[in-house]
Structures are given as structure tokens and as C-alpha cells.
Amino acid sequence: MPEERRKVEAKIKQLLKELSVAQQCSLSEISHYGYTLSFVRQTPDGKLAVVQMGDAAITIDEEGEIDRHSSIEIRH
């Protein structure tokens, strides 16, 4: 179990390196509510951070804008 946890932590650290400073700040704000970074998607408008808490997903654009009503579809 501890090895799996280390792999998850390493993945999150790698994802955090891909985020802009503005995205990191916004992520820090919403992580207090239980949201965690799931993945980063490259879009024509730049990198989009996808953050989840349970089945709820929100996105953070490169400018740090949080979209709580994102139309992004998450595959399960």
C-alpha cells in the first residue's frame, strides 16, 4: 500500500509541474474543499487542469479561472 501511495504522490507532483502559477494558486484555494488534481489536458486554448472531488469535476484554465460548470466529460 505505501508504494502505491508514493506512485500517486509522484504522479501528482509531475502534474503540478505542468501547471501555470495561476493554476497552482487556484488549485491551492479549492483543494481546501477536498478537490484534487486528476489530470492536465492540452487544449487549443492552452493547458486545462481537471480537478475532482467524487463525481464532481471542475476545470482551471491557464489564467487560473475556475469553471465550476465545465462541460468536460470524464471517462470512468
Protein backbone atom coordinates (compact mmCIF):
# COMPACT_ATOMS: atom_id res chain seq x y z
CA MET A 1 0.00 0.00 0.00
CA PRO A 2 2.73 2.59 0.83
CA GLU A 3 4.40 2.01 -2.56
CA GLU A 4 1.11 2.70 -4.39
CA ARG A 5 0.69 5.90 -2.40
CA ARG A 6 4.20 7.01 -3.39
CA LYS A 7 3.34 6.42 -7.05
CA VAL A 8 0.21 8.56 -6.75
CA GLU A 9 2.14 11.32 -5.00
CA ALA A 10 4.83 11.22 -7.71
CA LYS A 11 2.15 11.47 -10.42
CA ILE A 12 0.56 14.48 -8.72
CA LYS A 13 3.97 16.19 -8.36
CA GLN A 14 4.58 15.67 -12.08
CA LEU A 15 1.15 17.10 -12.95
CA LEU A 16 1.75 20.13 -10.72
CA LYS A 17 4.90 20.93 -12.70
CA GLU A 18 2.75 21.25 -15.83
CA LEU A 19 0.51 23.92 -14.31
CA SER A 20 0.96 27.67 -14.60
CA VAL A 21 1.49 29.67 -11.41
CA ALA A 22 -2.09 30.98 -11.71
CA GLN A 23 -3.44 27.41 -11.97
CA GLN A 24 -1.39 26.35 -8.95
CA CYS A 25 -2.80 29.24 -6.90
CA SER A 26 -6.39 28.41 -7.87
CA LEU A 27 -5.82 24.73 -7.15
CA SER A 28 -4.47 25.64 -3.73
CA GLU A 29 -7.64 27.61 -2.99
CA ILE A 30 -10.08 24.83 -3.93
CA SER A 31 -8.04 21.96 -2.50
CA HIS A 32 -9.17 23.12 0.93
CA TYR A 33 -12.65 21.89 -0.02
CA GLY A 34 -11.41 18.40 -0.91
CA TYR A 35 -10.75 18.77 -4.65
CA THR A 36 -7.68 17.02 -6.06
CA LEU A 37 -5.87 17.37 -9.36
CA SER A 38 -6.81 14.47 -11.66
CA PHE A 39 -5.09 15.29 -14.93
CA VAL A 40 -3.99 18.09 -17.25
CA ARG A 41 -5.45 18.28 -20.76
CA GLN A 42 -3.84 20.19 -23.62
CA THR A 43 -6.46 22.24 -25.49
CA PRO A 44 -6.23 24.77 -28.34
CA ASP A 45 -6.51 27.48 -25.65
CA GLY A 46 -3.71 26.03 -23.50
CA LYS A 47 -3.43 23.61 -20.63
CA LEU A 48 -6.58 22.83 -18.69
CA ALA A 49 -6.31 21.38 -15.17
CA VAL A 50 -9.10 18.96 -14.34
CA VAL A 51 -9.85 18.78 -10.63
CA GLN A 52 -12.24 16.33 -8.99
CA MET A 53 -14.00 15.60 -5.74
CA GLY A 54 -16.01 12.41 -6.02
CA ASP A 55 -18.00 12.64 -9.25
CA ALA A 56 -17.82 16.44 -9.37
CA ALA A 57 -15.28 17.83 -11.84
CA ILE A 58 -14.19 21.42 -12.36
CA THR A 59 -11.53 22.92 -14.58
CA ILE A 60 -8.90 25.59 -14.18
CA ASP A 61 -7.57 27.37 -17.29
CA GLU A 62 -4.03 28.74 -17.68
CA GLU A 63 -5.14 32.12 -16.34
CA GLY A 64 -6.30 30.46 -13.12
CA GLU A 65 -10.01 30.88 -13.87
CA ILE A 66 -12.10 28.19 -12.16
CA ASP A 67 -15.03 26.78 -14.14
CA ARG A 68 -17.38 25.01 -11.74
CA HIS A 69 -19.83 24.25 -14.57
CA SER A 70 -17.38 22.74 -17.03
CA SER A 71 -18.74 20.68 -19.90
CA ILE A 72 -15.75 18.33 -19.74
CA GLU A 73 -16.67 14.66 -19.83
CA ILE A 74 -14.81 12.29 -17.53
CA ARG A 75 -14.50 8.64 -18.53
CA HIS A 76 -14.80 6.13 -15.71
